[in-house]
Every structure is written in structure tokens, then in C-alpha cells.
Amino acid sequence: MFETLSPDRLSQAITHAIAPAFVLGAVAGFTSILSTRLETIMARLRAINALPEGHAKSHLKADIPRLKRRAKLTNQAILFAVISGVVVAALLLVAFVSVYAGIEHVYGAGIMFMIALLYLVAALITFAIEVRIALTEYDHHDATKPKP
């Protein structure tokens, strides 16, 4: 098994791992941003839900369906990003295990990399939809409160 291992093959595997490693770092950063965004959406949702009836800001409850939709989309984007990260991490493991086992990994790695990128694209598109909802539909602030 280890007879085919050579410094050149190991060096080549490390070279091939550079792009997936960068993608893994990007996915980690993107997931962090999405998590922070979801926390913000959920905090606003909880705050609005906690308002008693007849409160001066109870008109903000009209924003609850939009916030729920944004939370669902953000959660879905996080799921896609995490799946992408898991596939990239598996790709890196497969690449190094195949070097030690003396198996060619290029074709399988290419397919796994494409799958990871497809999930990343799905996460980005889902995030774009959520951002569009956040920016195109006005936020119900005090300025939208009906005047007596």
C-alpha cells in the first residue's frame, strides 16, 4: 500500500488540495456571515413577537411573515453552504487517502469539487433571494406607523 507513496505524489496531492482548501475557507467565512444574519433576523422576530397587543410598536407584527421567510431562506443557505463544506472536506480526505493507497484521485476529486461548487452556488442564490427580500420590501419602522 505505501510502496507507491513518493514525495512527488504527496507534493502533487498537496498542490491539488490548494483550490479546495481556499473554497473550504470561503465556505467557512460565508457560513459565519449567514449565521450572524440569521441571529439578527431571529432576534428581531423574537422582539416583535414579544410586543404586547396595543403596544405603540405592535404595528411591527405585520413584518413577522417576511422575517419568517427570510429566516427560512437564510437557514436553507446555511444548510447548502455546510453541505458544500462537508463535500470539500471529504474531497481533501479522499485526495490524501488515495495518495497513500496509490489510487488515482483526479476524476473523483473533480466530480466532488463540482458537487461542492453546485451546493455553494445554491447557497449564494438562496442568500441573494433573502437579501433581495430584505432590501426590496420596506421594513416596518416607526416611520410607517399610522399617524393618529
N, C-alpha and C. Protein backbone atom coordinates (compact mmCIF):
# COMPACT_ATOMS: atom_id res chain seq x y z
N MET A 1 0.83 -1.20 0.00
CA MET A 1 0.00 0.00 0.00
C MET A 1 0.87 1.25 0.00
N PHE A 2 1.85 1.33 0.86
CA PHE A 2 2.67 2.52 0.98
C PHE A 2 3.88 2.50 0.04
N GLU A 3 4.03 1.41 -0.74
CA GLU A 3 5.16 1.32 -1.64
C GLU A 3 5.09 2.35 -2.76
N THR A 4 3.89 2.73 -3.17
CA THR A 4 3.74 3.67 -4.27
C THR A 4 3.84 5.11 -3.80
N LEU A 5 3.89 5.33 -2.48
CA LEU A 5 3.97 6.69 -1.94
C LEU A 5 5.36 7.26 -2.22
N SER A 6 5.36 8.41 -2.82
CA SER A 6 6.63 9.09 -3.09
C SER A 6 6.45 10.56 -2.75
N PRO A 7 7.54 11.25 -2.48
CA PRO A 7 7.42 12.68 -2.20
C PRO A 7 6.76 13.45 -3.35
N ASP A 8 6.99 13.01 -4.57
CA ASP A 8 6.38 13.69 -5.72
C ASP A 8 4.86 13.54 -5.71
N ARG A 9 4.38 12.31 -5.44
CA ARG A 9 2.92 12.10 -5.39
C ARG A 9 2.29 12.89 -4.26
N LEU A 10 2.94 12.91 -3.10
CA LEU A 10 2.42 13.66 -1.96
C LEU A 10 2.43 15.15 -2.26
N SER A 11 3.49 15.62 -2.88
CA SER A 11 3.58 17.03 -3.27
C SER A 11 2.48 17.39 -4.26
N GLN A 12 2.23 16.49 -5.19
CA GLN A 12 1.17 16.72 -6.17
C GLN A 12 -0.20 16.78 -5.49
N ALA A 13 -0.44 15.91 -4.52
CA ALA A 13 -1.72 15.92 -3.79
C ALA A 13 -1.88 17.23 -3.03
N ILE A 14 -0.81 17.71 -2.44
CA ILE A 14 -0.87 18.98 -1.72
C ILE A 14 -1.17 20.11 -2.69
N THR A 15 -0.55 20.09 -3.83
CA THR A 15 -0.80 21.10 -4.86
C THR A 15 -2.27 21.07 -5.30
N HIS A 16 -2.80 19.87 -5.47
CA HIS A 16 -4.20 19.73 -5.88
C HIS A 16 -5.15 20.15 -4.77
N ALA A 17 -4.69 20.15 -3.54
CA ALA A 17 -5.55 20.49 -2.40
C ALA A 17 -5.66 21.99 -2.17
N ILE A 18 -4.87 22.78 -2.85
CA ILE A 18 -4.87 24.23 -2.60
C ILE A 18 -6.22 24.86 -2.94
N ALA A 19 -6.75 24.60 -4.12
CA ALA A 19 -8.03 25.21 -4.52
C ALA A 19 -9.17 24.76 -3.60
N PRO A 20 -9.31 23.46 -3.31
CA PRO A 20 -10.37 23.08 -2.38
C PRO A 20 -10.18 23.68 -0.98
N ALA A 21 -8.95 23.84 -0.56
CA ALA A 21 -8.70 24.44 0.76
C ALA A 21 -9.17 25.90 0.78
N PHE A 22 -8.93 26.63 -0.29
CA PHE A 22 -9.43 28.00 -0.38
C PHE A 22 -10.96 28.03 -0.40
N VAL A 23 -11.57 27.11 -1.11
CA VAL A 23 -13.03 27.03 -1.14
C VAL A 23 -13.56 26.72 0.26
N LEU A 24 -12.89 25.82 0.97
CA LEU A 24 -13.31 25.48 2.32
C LEU A 24 -13.23 26.70 3.24
N GLY A 25 -12.18 27.50 3.10
CA GLY A 25 -12.07 28.73 3.88
C GLY A 25 -13.17 29.72 3.53
N ALA A 26 -13.47 29.84 2.25
CA ALA A 26 -14.54 30.75 1.82
C ALA A 26 -15.89 30.28 2.34
N VAL A 27 -16.14 28.99 2.30
CA VAL A 27 -17.40 28.44 2.79
C VAL A 27 -17.52 28.70 4.29
N ALA A 28 -16.43 28.54 5.02
CA ALA A 28 -16.46 28.80 6.47
C ALA A 28 -16.79 30.26 6.76
N GLY A 29 -16.16 31.18 6.04
CA GLY A 29 -16.46 32.60 6.21
C GLY A 29 -17.88 32.94 5.84
N PHE A 30 -18.35 32.38 4.74
CA PHE A 30 -19.71 32.62 4.27
C PHE A 30 -20.73 32.08 5.27
N THR A 31 -20.46 30.91 5.81
CA THR A 31 -21.36 30.32 6.80
C THR A 31 -21.42 31.18 8.06
N SER A 32 -20.30 31.75 8.43
CA SER A 32 -20.27 32.65 9.59
C SER A 32 -21.13 33.88 9.35
N ILE A 33 -21.02 34.45 8.17
CA ILE A 33 -21.85 35.62 7.82
C ILE A 33 -23.33 35.25 7.84
N LEU A 34 -23.66 34.11 7.26
CA LEU A 34 -25.05 33.67 7.24
C LEU A 34 -25.58 33.43 8.65
N SER A 35 -24.77 32.84 9.51
CA SER A 35 -25.20 32.57 10.89
C SER A 35 -25.47 33.87 11.64
N THR A 36 -24.60 34.85 11.45
CA THR A 36 -24.81 36.15 12.08
C THR A 36 -26.09 36.80 11.57
N ARG A 37 -26.31 36.69 10.29
CA ARG A 37 -27.52 37.27 9.70
C ARG A 37 -28.77 36.58 10.25
N LEU A 38 -28.72 35.26 10.37
CA LEU A 38 -29.85 34.52 10.92
C LEU A 38 -30.10 34.91 12.38
N GLU A 39 -29.05 35.07 13.15
CA GLU A 39 -29.21 35.51 14.54
C GLU A 39 -29.91 36.87 14.62
N THR A 40 -29.53 37.78 13.73
CA THR A 40 -30.14 39.11 13.71
C THR A 40 -31.62 39.03 13.35
N ILE A 41 -31.94 38.24 12.35
CA ILE A 41 -33.33 38.07 11.93
C ILE A 41 -34.15 37.46 13.07
N MET A 42 -33.60 36.44 13.71
CA MET A 42 -34.32 35.77 14.79
C MET A 42 -34.49 36.68 16.00
N ALA A 43 -33.49 37.50 16.30
CA ALA A 43 -33.61 38.44 17.42
C ALA A 43 -34.73 39.44 17.16
N ARG A 44 -34.79 39.93 15.93
CA ARG A 44 -35.86 40.88 15.57
C ARG A 44 -37.23 40.19 15.63
N LEU A 45 -37.29 38.97 15.16
CA LEU A 45 -38.54 38.21 15.20
C LEU A 45 -39.01 37.99 16.64
N ARG A 46 -38.07 37.61 17.51
CA ARG A 46 -38.42 37.41 18.93
C ARG A 46 -38.89 38.71 19.57
N ALA A 47 -38.19 39.80 19.26
CA ALA A 47 -38.55 41.10 19.85
C ALA A 47 -39.94 41.53 19.41
N ILE A 48 -40.24 41.34 18.15
CA ILE A 48 -41.57 41.72 17.64
C ILE A 48 -42.64 40.82 18.23
N ASN A 49 -42.35 39.53 18.32
CA ASN A 49 -43.33 38.59 18.90
C ASN A 49 -43.60 38.90 20.37
N ALA A 50 -42.63 39.46 21.06
CA ALA A 50 -42.78 39.75 22.49
C ALA A 50 -43.60 41.01 22.75
N LEU A 51 -43.86 41.80 21.72
CA LEU A 51 -44.64 43.03 21.92
C LEU A 51 -46.07 42.69 22.31
N PRO A 52 -46.56 43.31 23.37
CA PRO A 52 -47.96 43.04 23.76
C PRO A 52 -48.92 43.75 22.81
N GLU A 53 -50.12 43.25 22.75
CA GLU A 53 -51.15 43.89 21.92
C GLU A 53 -51.40 45.30 22.45
N GLY A 54 -51.60 46.21 21.56
CA GLY A 54 -51.85 47.59 21.94
C GLY A 54 -50.60 48.40 22.21
N HIS A 55 -49.45 47.78 22.10
CA HIS A 55 -48.18 48.49 22.28
C HIS A 55 -48.00 49.47 21.14
N ALA A 56 -47.25 50.54 21.40
CA ALA A 56 -47.03 51.57 20.37
C ALA A 56 -46.38 51.00 19.12
N LYS A 57 -45.62 49.92 19.27
CA LYS A 57 -44.94 49.34 18.11
C LYS A 57 -45.58 48.03 17.65
N SER A 58 -46.78 47.75 18.10
CA SER A 58 -47.42 46.48 17.72
C SER A 58 -47.70 46.40 16.21
N HIS A 59 -47.69 47.55 15.54
CA HIS A 59 -47.87 47.52 14.08
C HIS A 59 -46.71 46.79 13.38
N LEU A 60 -45.58 46.62 14.08
CA LEU A 60 -44.43 45.91 13.52
C LEU A 60 -44.72 44.42 13.32
N LYS A 61 -45.76 43.92 13.95
CA LYS A 61 -46.11 42.49 13.80
C LYS A 61 -46.46 42.14 12.36
N ALA A 62 -46.79 43.14 11.56
CA ALA A 62 -47.07 42.90 10.14
C ALA A 62 -45.82 42.41 9.41
N ASP A 63 -44.65 42.62 10.01
CA ASP A 63 -43.38 42.22 9.41
C ASP A 63 -43.02 40.75 9.70
N ILE A 64 -43.78 40.10 10.58
CA ILE A 64 -43.44 38.74 11.00
C ILE A 64 -43.39 37.74 9.83
N PRO A 65 -44.35 37.69 8.92
CA PRO A 65 -44.26 36.73 7.82
C PRO A 65 -43.00 36.93 6.96
N ARG A 66 -42.64 38.17 6.71
CA ARG A 66 -41.44 38.45 5.92
C ARG A 66 -40.19 38.01 6.66
N LEU A 67 -40.14 38.26 7.96
CA LEU A 67 -38.98 37.83 8.76
C LEU A 67 -38.88 36.31 8.81
N LYS A 68 -40.01 35.64 8.91
CA LYS A 68 -40.00 34.17 8.91
C LYS A 68 -39.48 33.63 7.57
N ARG A 69 -39.90 34.26 6.49
CA ARG A 69 -39.43 33.82 5.17
C ARG A 69 -37.94 34.05 5.03
N ARG A 70 -37.45 35.20 5.50
CA ARG A 70 -36.02 35.50 5.46
C ARG A 70 -35.23 34.50 6.31
N ALA A 71 -35.76 34.16 7.49
CA ALA A 71 -35.08 33.20 8.36
C ALA A 71 -35.01 31.83 7.70
N LYS A 72 -36.10 31.43 7.05
CA LYS A 72 -36.13 30.13 6.38
C LYS A 72 -35.11 30.09 5.23
N LEU A 73 -35.05 31.15 4.44
CA LEU A 73 -34.09 31.21 3.33
C LEU A 73 -32.65 31.22 3.84
N THR A 74 -32.41 31.98 4.89
CA THR A 74 -31.05 32.03 5.45
C THR A 74 -30.65 30.67 6.00
N ASN A 75 -31.57 30.01 6.68
CA ASN A 75 -31.30 28.68 7.20
C ASN A 75 -31.00 27.70 6.06
N GLN A 76 -31.74 27.81 4.98
CA GLN A 76 -31.52 26.95 3.82
C GLN A 76 -30.15 27.24 3.20
N ALA A 77 -29.77 28.50 3.12
CA ALA A 77 -28.46 28.86 2.58
C ALA A 77 -27.35 28.29 3.46
N ILE A 78 -27.55 28.33 4.78
CA ILE A 78 -26.56 27.76 5.69
C ILE A 78 -26.43 26.26 5.44
N LEU A 79 -27.55 25.58 5.27
CA LEU A 79 -27.51 24.15 5.00
C LEU A 79 -26.74 23.85 3.73
N PHE A 80 -27.03 24.57 2.66
CA PHE A 80 -26.31 24.36 1.39
C PHE A 80 -24.81 24.63 1.55
N ALA A 81 -24.47 25.68 2.28
CA ALA A 81 -23.06 26.02 2.49
C ALA A 81 -22.35 24.94 3.31
N VAL A 82 -23.03 24.44 4.34
CA VAL A 82 -22.43 23.39 5.17
C VAL A 82 -22.23 22.11 4.34
N ILE A 83 -23.22 21.75 3.54
CA ILE A 83 -23.06 20.57 2.67
C ILE A 83 -21.88 20.78 1.73
N SER A 84 -21.75 21.97 1.17
CA SER A 84 -20.62 22.28 0.31
C SER A 84 -19.31 22.09 1.06
N GLY A 85 -19.24 22.59 2.28
CA GLY A 85 -18.03 22.44 3.09
C GLY A 85 -17.72 20.99 3.41
N VAL A 86 -18.75 20.21 3.71
CA VAL A 86 -18.54 18.79 4.01
C VAL A 86 -18.02 18.06 2.77
N VAL A 87 -18.56 18.38 1.61
CA VAL A 87 -18.10 17.73 0.37
C VAL A 87 -16.65 18.12 0.09
N VAL A 88 -16.29 19.38 0.31
CA VAL A 88 -14.91 19.81 0.09
C VAL A 88 -13.97 19.11 1.07
N ALA A 89 -14.38 19.03 2.34
CA ALA A 89 -13.55 18.34 3.33
C ALA A 89 -13.39 16.86 2.97
N ALA A 90 -14.47 16.23 2.51
CA ALA A 90 -14.39 14.83 2.07
C ALA A 90 -13.47 14.71 0.86
N LEU A 91 -13.55 15.67 -0.04
CA LEU A 91 -12.66 15.69 -1.20
C LEU A 91 -11.20 15.72 -0.77
N LEU A 92 -10.87 16.56 0.18
CA LEU A 92 -9.50 16.64 0.67
C LEU A 92 -9.06 15.33 1.31
N LEU A 93 -9.95 14.72 2.08
CA LEU A 93 -9.62 13.43 2.69
C LEU A 93 -9.41 12.35 1.64
N VAL A 94 -10.30 12.31 0.66
CA VAL A 94 -10.17 11.32 -0.42
C VAL A 94 -8.86 11.52 -1.17
N ALA A 95 -8.51 12.76 -1.42
CA ALA A 95 -7.28 13.04 -2.17
C ALA A 95 -6.05 12.51 -1.43
N PHE A 96 -5.98 12.74 -0.14
CA PHE A 96 -4.80 12.28 0.60
C PHE A 96 -4.82 10.79 0.87
N VAL A 97 -6.00 10.23 1.13
CA VAL A 97 -6.09 8.78 1.31
C VAL A 97 -5.71 8.07 0.01
N SER A 98 -6.14 8.61 -1.12
CA SER A 98 -5.82 7.96 -2.40
C SER A 98 -4.32 8.01 -2.70
N VAL A 99 -3.66 9.07 -2.26
CA VAL A 99 -2.20 9.13 -2.44
C VAL A 99 -1.54 8.02 -1.64
N TYR A 100 -1.95 7.84 -0.41
CA TYR A 100 -1.36 6.80 0.43
C TYR A 100 -1.73 5.40 -0.06
N ALA A 101 -2.91 5.27 -0.67
CA ALA A 101 -3.34 3.97 -1.18
C ALA A 101 -2.84 3.71 -2.59
N GLY A 102 -2.25 4.72 -3.23
CA GLY A 102 -1.74 4.55 -4.58
C GLY A 102 -2.83 4.53 -5.64
N ILE A 103 -3.94 5.17 -5.34
CA ILE A 103 -5.09 5.21 -6.26
C ILE A 103 -5.14 6.59 -6.92
N GLU A 104 -5.50 6.62 -8.18
CA GLU A 104 -5.66 7.89 -8.89
C GLU A 104 -6.92 8.58 -8.38
N HIS A 105 -6.83 9.84 -8.01
CA HIS A 105 -7.97 10.53 -7.41
C HIS A 105 -8.51 11.69 -8.24
N VAL A 106 -7.89 11.97 -9.35
CA VAL A 106 -8.21 13.17 -10.11
C VAL A 106 -9.67 13.20 -10.58
N TYR A 107 -10.17 12.10 -11.11
CA TYR A 107 -11.53 12.11 -11.66
C TYR A 107 -12.57 12.23 -10.55
N GLY A 108 -12.43 11.44 -9.51
CA GLY A 108 -13.36 11.53 -8.39
C GLY A 108 -13.29 12.89 -7.71
N ALA A 109 -12.08 13.43 -7.60
CA ALA A 109 -11.92 14.74 -6.98
C ALA A 109 -12.60 15.82 -7.81
N GLY A 110 -12.49 15.71 -9.10
CA GLY A 110 -13.15 16.69 -9.98
C GLY A 110 -14.66 16.67 -9.83
N ILE A 111 -15.22 15.49 -9.73
CA ILE A 111 -16.68 15.37 -9.56
C ILE A 111 -17.09 15.93 -8.20
N MET A 112 -16.33 15.58 -7.16
CA MET A 112 -16.66 16.08 -5.82
C MET A 112 -16.54 17.60 -5.76
N PHE A 113 -15.54 18.14 -6.45
CA PHE A 113 -15.35 19.59 -6.45
C PHE A 113 -16.53 20.28 -7.14
N MET A 114 -17.01 19.70 -8.24
CA MET A 114 -18.18 20.26 -8.92
C MET A 114 -19.42 20.19 -8.04
N ILE A 115 -19.60 19.09 -7.32
CA ILE A 115 -20.75 18.97 -6.41
C ILE A 115 -20.67 20.04 -5.32
N ALA A 116 -19.47 20.22 -4.75
CA ALA A 116 -19.29 21.23 -3.71
C ALA A 116 -19.61 22.63 -4.25
N LEU A 117 -19.15 22.90 -5.46
CA LEU A 117 -19.41 24.22 -6.05
C LEU A 117 -20.89 24.40 -6.36
N LEU A 118 -21.58 23.35 -6.77
CA LEU A 118 -23.03 23.45 -7.02
C LEU A 118 -23.77 23.80 -5.73
N TYR A 119 -23.40 23.16 -4.63
CA TYR A 119 -24.03 23.50 -3.35
C TYR A 119 -23.68 24.92 -2.92
N LEU A 120 -22.46 25.34 -3.18
CA LEU A 120 -22.08 26.71 -2.85
C LEU A 120 -22.88 27.70 -3.69
N VAL A 121 -23.07 27.42 -4.96
CA VAL A 121 -23.88 28.28 -5.83
C VAL A 121 -25.33 28.31 -5.32
N ALA A 122 -25.86 27.16 -4.90
CA ALA A 122 -27.22 27.12 -4.35
C ALA A 122 -27.31 28.00 -3.10
N ALA A 123 -26.28 27.95 -2.26
CA ALA A 123 -26.27 28.79 -1.05
C ALA A 123 -26.23 30.27 -1.42
N LEU A 124 -25.41 30.62 -2.40
CA LEU A 124 -25.31 32.02 -2.82
C LEU A 124 -26.61 32.52 -3.44
N ILE A 125 -27.25 31.71 -4.24
CA ILE A 125 -28.52 32.11 -4.85
C ILE A 125 -29.59 32.28 -3.78
N THR A 126 -29.65 31.35 -2.84
CA THR A 126 -30.63 31.44 -1.76
C THR A 126 -30.38 32.69 -0.93
N PHE A 127 -29.11 32.97 -0.66
CA PHE A 127 -28.74 34.18 0.07
C PHE A 127 -29.15 35.43 -0.71
N ALA A 128 -28.94 35.42 -2.02
CA ALA A 128 -29.32 36.57 -2.85
C ALA A 128 -30.83 36.81 -2.80
N ILE A 129 -31.61 35.74 -2.79
CA ILE A 129 -33.07 35.89 -2.68
C ILE A 129 -33.42 36.52 -1.35
N GLU A 130 -32.78 36.06 -0.27
CA GLU A 130 -33.05 36.62 1.06
C GLU A 130 -32.67 38.09 1.13
N VAL A 131 -31.53 38.45 0.57
CA VAL A 131 -31.09 39.84 0.57
C VAL A 131 -32.07 40.70 -0.23
N ARG A 132 -32.53 40.17 -1.33
CA ARG A 132 -33.49 40.92 -2.16
C ARG A 132 -34.77 41.19 -1.39
N ILE A 133 -35.24 40.20 -0.65
CA ILE A 133 -36.44 40.39 0.17
C ILE A 133 -36.17 41.46 1.22
N ALA A 134 -35.00 41.39 1.83
CA ALA A 134 -34.66 42.35 2.89
C ALA A 134 -34.57 43.78 2.35
N LEU A 135 -34.12 43.93 1.12
CA LEU A 135 -33.89 45.27 0.57
C LEU A 135 -35.06 45.82 -0.24
N THR A 136 -35.86 44.96 -0.82
CA THR A 136 -36.93 45.47 -1.70
C THR A 136 -38.24 45.70 -0.97
N GLU A 137 -38.52 44.91 0.03
CA GLU A 137 -39.74 45.11 0.80
C GLU A 137 -39.37 46.01 1.98
N TYR A 138 -40.08 47.11 2.11
CA TYR A 138 -39.72 48.07 3.15
C TYR A 138 -39.84 47.43 4.52
N ASP A 139 -39.00 47.90 5.40
CA ASP A 139 -39.00 47.44 6.78
C ASP A 139 -40.00 48.28 7.55
N HIS A 140 -40.78 47.68 8.39
CA HIS A 140 -41.82 48.38 9.14
C HIS A 140 -41.22 49.06 10.36
N HIS A 141 -40.69 50.26 10.16
CA HIS A 141 -40.13 51.03 11.27
C HIS A 141 -41.19 52.00 11.78
N ASP A 142 -40.81 52.76 12.75
CA ASP A 142 -41.74 53.73 13.33
C ASP A 142 -42.25 54.72 12.30
N ALA A 143 -41.48 54.97 11.25
CA ALA A 143 -41.91 55.92 10.24
C ALA A 143 -43.16 55.42 9.49
N THR A 144 -43.40 54.12 9.51
CA THR A 144 -44.56 53.57 8.81
C THR A 144 -45.78 53.50 9.71
N LYS A 145 -45.60 53.86 10.98
CA LYS A 145 -46.71 53.81 11.93
C LYS A 145 -47.80 54.78 11.50
N PRO A 146 -49.02 54.30 11.48
CA PRO A 146 -50.11 55.21 11.10
C PRO A 146 -50.20 56.39 12.07
N LYS A 147 -50.39 57.55 11.52
CA LYS A 147 -50.48 58.75 12.35
C LYS A 147 -51.91 58.95 12.80
N PRO A 148 -52.11 59.32 14.09
CA PRO A 148 -53.47 59.49 14.60
C PRO A 148 -54.15 60.69 14.02
